[in-house]
Structure formats: C-alpha cells, structure tokens
Amino acid sequence: MNTSKFKSLLFFASVVALFTGCTKDDDFVVQDFTPISFAEDFSAGAIDNTILDTPNWENINEIGSAKWTEQIYSGNAYAEFSGYQSGDAINVGWLVSPAINMDLHEGEKLQFLSSQSYVTSGANSLEVLISTDYAGDVATATWTNIDANLPLTTSTYFEFLPSGEIDLSGYTGTVYLAFKVKGSGTNAALDGGYQIDNIRITYKKEEN
C-alpha cells in the first residue's frame, strides 16, 4: 500500500469528467460567486512524494512523525496525509492555510476537493476546520468544524469529491482554514490516506 500503488489505482476518469484539469482556476462551475479571493492547488514548487512545503501553509505533525506530502499524478498536484508505515500508533496531522482576510469582500463561499484511499474505519478521519484566533499553535486556537461533503469509508479510492459550497459570509477579520487527519502507522484499520486539492474561496459579484 505504498504511494506508487496508491497512484496506480487512481480513478482519474471521474476526476477528468468532473474537474477537467485539476490545476485550473475554472474547475468549479460557479455563477454568482465566480470572483476568487483565495485559491490553492498545491502546484507551486511541488515535488512528487515529498514533505509538503507549499508557500505560506503550515504542515504540522501534532502527534506522530507523519506529515502532509506533495503528490503528483498525471500532471496534477495535490496534498495527501497518511500514517502508513510511519511506525506511530497515532498520527495527527494538520495543514493550516495562510491568513485569509474576510473584510475585503462579501458573500464568501468555500469549495474544495477531497478523496480517500484505503480508509476502512471512521476513526481514520478527515476534519475541515476554521479559526479566528490561530496564532501558530493549533492546540491553543479555537477551531470550528466546517460542515462539508467529505469522502466516506465507502467512497471510491482517489475519487475527488466536491465539498459543496460552504457559506463563510458570517466571518470577519482574519481566519485560517485547517485540514486535520487522524490515523495510525501501526493499526491497519487506521492507516488510510486523505487527499485535498483545489481550495477556493469565492465571493459575491457586486451588482452594477
């Protein structure tokens, strides 16, 4: 269940059908919310199967040694977290966004793509979170869960799913997004992986 085996099982046809060209800014078909205030596709400087170091993102291993990695398949870069072969009984990894100013626009909505690979237990989990007081320590910040469409244990491996449009218009000031994965490098039921791609925050067009 190494990375090369993961990639050999990618169901790229469904990704192409839904999101032709996963690194393009027009991946999401949006109408009233087409202007983009924040975007990340993890392609900047990406090197396949290395520790993720996308500029301005924080890659934090809260528990265990595993960190988010950069993966590239068929020219598309994405972020992935898996505790597989880490040797740690517990792995908790965070991927925290740069500061996002929510005072520049109105009607902001978040969208992203996510998928899973070899996740067979609900305890091997992906959470999407938002904070208004993050100051560099994920343990002391206040995090709120974001209700999004996320892959289930029954989801097809590596099939990217749209999160749906998530309303962030109630937030002001500076916010941070985080993707948090819990797993294990010693428990086969908890050593699956999660993939994230094409994060977008769009905002409402001003009426003329």
Protein backbone atom coordinates (compact mmCIF):
# COMPACT_ATOMS: atom_id res chain seq x y z
CA MET A 1 0.00 0.00 0.00
CA ASN A 2 2.85 2.42 -0.87
CA THR A 3 2.49 5.67 -2.83
CA SER A 4 3.13 4.10 -6.22
CA LYS A 5 0.43 1.54 -5.58
CA PHE A 6 -1.91 4.32 -4.47
CA LYS A 7 -1.38 6.17 -7.71
CA SER A 8 -1.84 3.11 -9.86
CA LEU A 9 -5.35 2.86 -8.50
CA LEU A 10 -6.36 6.46 -9.16
CA PHE A 11 -9.73 6.68 -10.81
CA PHE A 12 -8.72 9.64 -12.94
CA ALA A 13 -11.63 9.33 -15.38
CA SER A 14 -14.12 10.57 -12.83
CA VAL A 15 -11.84 13.44 -11.88
CA VAL A 16 -11.46 14.46 -15.50
CA ALA A 17 -15.19 14.27 -16.06
CA LEU A 18 -15.97 16.50 -13.10
CA PHE A 19 -12.95 18.78 -12.93
CA THR A 20 -11.08 18.73 -16.22
CA GLY A 21 -7.60 19.96 -15.43
CA CYS A 22 -7.41 19.99 -11.64
CA THR A 23 -4.99 22.89 -11.51
CA LYS A 24 -7.12 25.38 -13.42
CA ASP A 25 -9.00 28.20 -11.75
CA ASP A 26 -12.22 27.35 -13.57
CA ASP A 27 -12.56 23.89 -12.05
CA PHE A 28 -15.69 24.88 -10.18
CA VAL A 29 -18.74 25.98 -12.10
CA VAL A 30 -19.99 28.91 -10.08
CA GLN A 31 -22.30 31.68 -11.19
CA ASP A 32 -22.99 34.35 -8.58
CA PHE A 33 -19.72 33.60 -6.78
CA THR A 34 -17.20 33.47 -9.60
CA PRO A 35 -14.60 36.02 -8.37
CA ILE A 36 -11.89 34.26 -6.39
CA SER A 37 -10.37 35.81 -3.25
CA PHE A 38 -8.27 32.79 -2.21
CA ALA A 39 -7.06 29.76 -4.14
CA GLU A 40 -4.66 26.87 -3.63
CA ASP A 41 -3.98 23.86 -5.84
CA PHE A 42 -0.64 22.83 -4.25
CA SER A 43 1.19 23.04 -7.58
CA ALA A 44 3.70 25.79 -6.68
CA GLY A 45 7.10 24.11 -6.45
CA ALA A 46 5.51 20.70 -5.92
CA ILE A 47 7.84 17.68 -5.97
CA ASP A 48 6.19 14.28 -6.07
CA ASN A 49 6.13 12.25 -2.85
CA THR A 50 7.95 14.79 -0.67
CA ILE A 51 7.00 16.61 2.52
CA LEU A 52 4.57 19.37 1.61
CA ASP A 53 6.11 22.84 1.80
CA THR A 54 3.62 24.91 -0.18
CA PRO A 55 4.45 28.58 0.45
CA ASN A 56 2.64 30.14 3.44
CA TRP A 57 0.96 26.88 4.51
CA GLU A 58 1.85 25.23 7.83
CA ASN A 59 2.40 21.47 7.81
CA ILE A 60 2.13 20.32 11.42
CA ASN A 61 2.51 16.83 12.88
CA GLU A 62 0.72 17.29 16.20
CA ILE A 63 1.12 13.61 17.14
CA GLY A 64 3.46 11.16 15.43
CA SER A 65 6.05 11.72 12.73
CA ALA A 66 3.86 11.72 9.61
CA LYS A 67 3.29 14.98 7.77
CA TRP A 68 1.25 16.04 4.77
CA THR A 69 3.03 15.29 1.49
CA GLU A 70 3.06 16.63 -2.04
CA GLN A 71 1.81 14.16 -4.62
CA ILE A 72 1.59 14.49 -8.39
CA TYR A 73 -0.43 12.24 -10.64
CA SER A 74 -0.92 12.76 -14.37
CA GLY A 75 0.37 16.31 -14.05
CA ASN A 76 -1.97 17.23 -11.20
CA ALA A 77 -0.52 18.15 -7.80
CA TYR A 78 -2.42 17.65 -4.57
CA ALA A 79 -1.86 17.33 -0.81
CA GLU A 80 -2.03 13.96 0.93
CA PHE A 81 -1.81 12.71 4.52
CA SER A 82 -1.32 9.08 5.51
CA GLY A 83 0.15 7.44 8.58
CA TYR A 84 1.02 4.32 6.60
CA GLN A 85 4.39 2.89 7.65
CA SER A 86 5.09 5.84 9.96
CA GLY A 87 5.59 3.40 12.84
CA ASP A 88 3.48 5.61 15.10
CA ALA A 89 0.49 4.22 16.95
CA ILE A 90 -1.25 7.58 16.50
CA ASN A 91 -0.80 10.16 13.75
CA VAL A 92 -2.47 13.57 13.81
CA GLY A 93 -1.53 15.94 11.03
CA TRP A 94 -2.68 19.49 10.35
CA LEU A 95 -2.46 21.53 7.17
CA VAL A 96 -3.14 25.17 8.06
CA SER A 97 -3.77 27.87 5.48
CA PRO A 98 -2.24 31.32 5.33
CA ALA A 99 -4.19 34.15 6.96
CA ILE A 100 -7.30 34.99 4.95
CA ASN A 101 -8.81 38.49 5.16
CA MET A 102 -12.59 38.25 5.26
CA ASP A 103 -13.16 42.02 5.22
CA LEU A 104 -12.28 42.53 1.57
CA HIS A 105 -15.46 41.08 0.07
CA GLU A 106 -18.96 39.89 0.90
CA GLY A 107 -20.78 36.61 0.40
CA GLU A 108 -17.70 34.39 0.61
CA LYS A 109 -18.09 30.69 -0.10
CA LEU A 110 -15.53 27.90 0.33
CA GLN A 111 -15.13 24.98 -2.04
CA PHE A 112 -12.50 22.25 -2.31
CA LEU A 113 -11.96 18.68 -3.48
CA SER A 114 -11.18 15.73 -1.23
CA SER A 115 -10.73 11.99 -1.61
CA GLN A 116 -9.65 8.99 0.43
CA SER A 117 -7.51 5.91 -0.08
CA TYR A 118 -7.77 2.68 1.92
CA VAL A 119 -9.80 4.29 4.71
CA THR A 120 -11.82 1.46 6.27
CA SER A 121 -12.62 2.90 9.70
CA GLY A 122 -14.41 6.07 10.70
CA ALA A 123 -11.73 6.58 13.33
CA ASN A 124 -9.32 7.27 10.46
CA SER A 125 -10.78 10.72 9.90
CA LEU A 126 -10.57 13.99 8.00
CA GLU A 127 -11.83 17.22 9.54
CA VAL A 128 -12.11 20.67 7.97
CA LEU A 129 -11.82 23.49 10.48
CA ILE A 130 -11.75 27.29 10.69
CA SER A 131 -10.25 29.58 13.33
CA THR A 132 -10.34 33.31 14.02
CA ASP A 133 -7.67 33.26 16.73
CA TYR A 134 -4.97 30.93 15.42
CA ALA A 135 -1.55 32.30 16.38
CA GLY A 136 0.80 29.45 15.49
CA ASP A 137 -0.28 26.77 17.97
CA VAL A 138 -3.11 24.51 16.81
CA ALA A 139 -3.63 23.23 20.36
CA THR A 140 -4.44 26.63 21.84
CA ALA A 141 -6.51 28.06 18.97
CA THR A 142 -10.29 27.83 18.85
CA TRP A 143 -11.38 25.68 15.92
CA THR A 144 -14.88 25.30 14.49
CA ASN A 145 -15.80 22.32 12.32
CA ILE A 146 -16.89 23.14 8.79
CA ASP A 147 -19.79 21.06 7.52
CA ALA A 148 -18.65 19.82 4.12
CA ASN A 149 -19.19 16.87 1.82
CA LEU A 150 -16.25 14.60 2.67
CA PRO A 151 -15.32 11.09 1.49
CA LEU A 152 -16.76 8.16 3.42
CA THR A 153 -15.26 4.73 4.04
CA THR A 154 -17.43 3.55 1.13
CA SER A 155 -16.13 6.24 -1.26
CA THR A 156 -14.09 5.14 -4.25
CA TYR A 157 -10.38 5.41 -3.58
CA PHE A 158 -8.78 8.57 -5.02
CA GLU A 159 -12.05 9.81 -6.49
CA PHE A 160 -12.10 13.53 -5.74
CA LEU A 161 -15.43 14.75 -4.42
CA PRO A 162 -16.63 18.36 -4.38
CA SER A 163 -17.15 19.78 -0.91
CA GLY A 164 -20.22 21.73 -1.90
CA GLU A 165 -20.49 25.49 -1.45
CA ILE A 166 -19.80 26.35 2.20
CA ASP A 167 -21.02 29.73 3.41
CA LEU A 168 -18.29 31.75 5.14
CA SER A 169 -20.02 35.11 4.80
CA GLY A 170 -20.58 35.40 8.55
CA TYR A 171 -16.84 35.68 9.24
CA THR A 172 -14.98 38.97 9.53
CA GLY A 173 -11.37 39.83 10.17
CA THR A 174 -8.67 37.19 9.70
CA VAL A 175 -9.43 33.48 9.51
CA TYR A 176 -7.38 30.33 8.99
CA LEU A 177 -8.54 27.09 7.40
CA ALA A 178 -7.19 23.73 8.53
CA PHE A 179 -7.39 20.17 7.26
CA LYS A 180 -6.81 17.71 10.11
CA VAL A 181 -6.32 13.97 9.68
CA LYS A 182 -6.19 11.30 12.40
CA GLY A 183 -4.75 7.88 11.69
CA SER A 184 -2.14 5.32 12.65
CA GLY A 185 1.03 3.82 11.31
CA THR A 186 0.66 0.57 13.22
CA ASN A 187 -3.08 -0.17 13.01
CA ALA A 188 -4.01 -1.45 9.55
CA ALA A 189 -7.60 -0.24 10.02
CA LEU A 190 -6.37 3.32 10.55
CA ASP A 191 -3.53 3.72 8.06
CA GLY A 192 -5.54 5.03 5.13
CA GLY A 193 -4.93 8.38 3.48
CA TYR A 194 -6.78 11.55 2.53
CA GLN A 195 -6.15 13.88 -0.40
CA ILE A 196 -7.03 17.58 -0.75
CA ASP A 197 -6.98 19.75 -3.87
CA ASN A 198 -8.32 22.93 -5.48
CA ILE A 199 -9.29 25.03 -2.49
CA ARG A 200 -11.25 28.13 -3.48
CA ILE A 201 -12.90 30.98 -1.61
CA THR A 202 -15.15 32.90 -3.94
CA TYR A 203 -17.25 35.96 -3.26
CA LYS A 204 -20.43 37.59 -4.44
CA LYS A 205 -20.27 39.79 -7.51
CA GLU A 206 -21.11 43.41 -6.96
CA GLU A 207 -24.23 44.50 -8.77
CA ASN A 208 -23.79 47.29 -11.29
